[in-house]
Amino acid sequence: MIKCDAIVQDKRWHSNFILKHYFKSRIKKINKHNLFKKNNYEFSVLLSNNKHTRKLNQKFRKKNKSSDVLSFPNFSKIKLKKNYSKMNTYLGDIVISYEKILKKEFTSHLDKLWIHGLLHLLGHSHKSEKNYKKMQKLENALYKLIYDI
């Protein structure tokens, strides 16, 4: 099972939806996936803006530009593979920029971004074509669970 804590840094996020119910309903749906059935994972989502993601991107990735989503894993992939199913495992933090989401259909794009960030917290990468396809397949599976597709 997975749990999510959403934190609002930029007040413009409140104007689009009720956060408490938004993530709760989506997490409930993706908990049906085998990826989460035997584990107790927790993560947080910071709903921020371009200015903040630019600062974080500069500090941690040496890239002087904003980003739509940033992930800060709490564990390395090697440690995560160990069996932590008996305890809650804090996966890490995801930061999402408000301005980047406005450019597309809001809720659909938000779902794609936090799912993408969550998979990074779980150790997935898209550095190679093989890893990209594997990660994209998982993203699509989780997205389809949310939208009952």
Protein backbone atom coordinates (compact mmCIF):
# COMPACT_ATOMS: atom_id res chain seq x y z
CA MET A 1 0.00 0.00 0.00
CA ILE A 2 1.17 3.49 -0.69
CA LYS A 3 0.39 6.77 1.07
CA CYS A 4 0.92 10.33 -0.12
CA ASP A 5 1.15 13.64 1.70
CA ALA A 6 0.53 16.70 -0.48
CA ILE A 7 2.02 19.99 0.64
CA VAL A 8 1.07 23.28 -0.99
CA GLN A 9 3.83 25.83 -1.34
CA ASP A 10 2.19 28.01 -4.00
CA LYS A 11 -1.37 29.08 -3.14
CA ARG A 12 -2.46 28.98 -6.80
CA TRP A 13 -2.75 25.20 -6.45
CA HIS A 14 -5.79 25.60 -4.19
CA SER A 15 -7.80 27.25 -6.92
CA ASN A 16 -7.80 24.12 -9.09
CA PHE A 17 -8.97 21.30 -6.84
CA ILE A 18 -9.42 19.99 -3.33
CA LEU A 19 -6.02 18.46 -2.59
CA LYS A 20 -7.00 16.14 0.22
CA HIS A 21 -9.49 14.24 -1.92
CA TYR A 22 -7.51 14.50 -5.14
CA PHE A 23 -4.48 12.47 -4.09
CA LYS A 24 -6.42 10.21 -1.74
CA SER A 25 -8.71 8.99 -4.53
CA ARG A 26 -5.84 8.45 -6.96
CA ILE A 27 -3.62 6.64 -4.48
CA LYS A 28 -6.52 4.34 -3.62
CA LYS A 29 -6.75 3.34 -7.28
CA ILE A 30 -3.05 2.74 -7.90
CA ASN A 31 -2.80 0.65 -4.73
CA LYS A 32 -4.45 -2.09 -6.81
CA HIS A 33 -1.22 -2.48 -8.81
CA ASN A 34 1.08 -5.36 -7.83
CA LEU A 35 3.90 -2.86 -7.33
CA PHE A 36 2.25 -1.66 -4.12
CA LYS A 37 0.35 -4.67 -2.77
CA LYS A 38 3.16 -6.14 -0.65
CA ASN A 39 4.88 -2.92 0.43
CA ASN A 40 4.04 -0.01 2.68
CA TYR A 41 5.38 3.06 0.92
CA GLU A 42 4.98 6.74 1.74
CA PHE A 43 6.02 9.82 -0.22
CA SER A 44 5.28 13.52 -0.33
CA VAL A 45 4.39 15.86 -3.16
CA LEU A 46 5.33 19.52 -2.86
CA LEU A 47 3.07 21.60 -5.10
CA SER A 48 5.33 24.47 -5.98
CA ASN A 49 6.25 26.76 -8.87
CA ASN A 50 8.89 27.48 -11.51
CA LYS A 51 10.98 29.70 -9.25
CA HIS A 52 11.36 27.00 -6.60
CA THR A 53 11.97 24.13 -9.03
CA ARG A 54 14.64 26.23 -10.72
CA LYS A 55 16.43 26.72 -7.39
CA LEU A 56 16.24 23.02 -6.58
CA ASN A 57 17.32 22.03 -10.08
CA GLN A 58 20.31 24.34 -9.83
CA LYS A 59 21.29 23.15 -6.37
CA PHE A 60 20.92 19.40 -6.88
CA ARG A 61 21.29 18.84 -10.62
CA LYS A 62 23.42 21.83 -11.65
CA LYS A 63 20.79 22.86 -14.22
CA ASN A 64 19.79 26.51 -14.17
CA LYS A 65 16.20 26.05 -15.36
CA SER A 66 12.83 25.19 -13.92
CA SER A 67 11.43 21.70 -14.23
CA ASP A 68 7.93 20.29 -14.40
CA VAL A 69 8.74 17.54 -11.87
CA LEU A 70 11.71 16.75 -9.64
CA SER A 71 12.17 13.62 -7.55
CA PHE A 72 14.34 13.31 -4.46
CA PRO A 73 14.58 9.64 -3.47
CA ASN A 74 15.18 8.70 0.13
CA PHE A 75 16.68 5.31 -0.77
CA SER A 76 18.95 3.99 -3.44
CA LYS A 77 17.48 1.38 -5.76
CA ILE A 78 19.67 -1.29 -4.15
CA LYS A 79 18.34 -0.58 -0.65
CA LEU A 80 14.76 -0.40 -1.93
CA LYS A 81 14.98 -3.93 -3.34
CA LYS A 82 15.38 -5.30 0.18
CA ASN A 83 12.16 -6.46 1.79
CA TYR A 84 10.74 -3.51 3.71
CA SER A 85 7.17 -4.81 3.50
CA LYS A 86 6.74 -5.10 7.27
CA MET A 87 7.39 -1.42 7.87
CA ASN A 88 6.56 1.90 6.28
CA THR A 89 9.22 2.96 3.82
CA TYR A 90 9.52 6.67 3.12
CA LEU A 91 10.39 6.83 -0.58
CA GLY A 92 11.19 10.54 -0.80
CA ASP A 93 9.80 13.76 -2.19
CA ILE A 94 8.36 14.94 -5.48
CA VAL A 95 8.21 18.63 -6.43
CA ILE A 96 5.83 19.81 -9.17
CA SER A 97 5.72 23.24 -10.79
CA TYR A 98 2.33 24.93 -11.14
CA GLU A 99 3.24 26.92 -14.25
CA LYS A 100 4.37 23.84 -16.15
CA ILE A 101 1.04 22.12 -15.61
CA LEU A 102 -0.97 25.09 -16.86
CA LYS A 103 0.36 24.48 -20.37
CA LYS A 104 -1.62 21.21 -20.69
CA GLU A 105 -4.87 19.67 -19.45
CA PHE A 106 -4.37 20.31 -15.74
CA THR A 107 -5.43 17.18 -13.83
CA SER A 108 -4.35 14.72 -16.51
CA HIS A 109 -0.90 16.29 -16.73
CA LEU A 110 -0.58 16.49 -12.95
CA ASP A 111 -1.33 12.77 -12.72
CA LYS A 112 1.30 11.97 -15.32
CA LEU A 113 3.90 14.06 -13.49
CA TRP A 114 3.42 12.69 -9.99
CA ILE A 115 3.29 9.13 -11.33
CA HIS A 116 6.54 9.80 -13.21
CA GLY A 117 8.09 11.23 -10.06
CA LEU A 118 6.88 8.30 -7.98
CA LEU A 119 8.53 5.82 -10.33
CA HIS A 120 11.80 7.73 -9.98
CA LEU A 121 11.43 7.42 -6.19
CA LEU A 122 11.06 3.68 -6.69
CA GLY A 123 14.37 3.61 -8.56
CA HIS A 124 13.21 3.70 -12.16
CA SER A 125 15.17 5.66 -14.75
CA HIS A 126 14.83 6.63 -18.39
CA LYS A 127 18.50 7.03 -19.23
CA SER A 128 18.53 4.14 -21.71
CA GLU A 129 15.90 3.21 -24.30
CA LYS A 130 15.23 -0.09 -22.49
CA ASN A 131 14.69 1.68 -19.13
CA TYR A 132 12.59 4.37 -20.81
CA LYS A 133 10.22 1.77 -22.28
CA LYS A 134 9.94 -0.10 -18.98
CA MET A 135 9.22 3.10 -17.06
CA GLN A 136 6.72 4.31 -19.67
CA LYS A 137 4.89 0.98 -19.52
CA LEU A 138 4.54 1.30 -15.73
CA GLU A 139 3.47 4.95 -15.99
CA ASN A 140 0.75 4.00 -18.46
CA ALA A 141 -0.45 1.12 -16.29
CA LEU A 142 -0.79 3.36 -13.22
CA TYR A 143 -2.41 6.15 -15.25
CA LYS A 144 -4.96 3.66 -16.62
CA LEU A 145 -5.81 2.54 -13.08
CA ILE A 146 -6.56 6.14 -12.09
CA TYR A 147 -8.83 6.73 -15.06
CA ASP A 148 -10.34 3.22 -15.12
CA ILE A 149 -9.21 2.75 -18.72
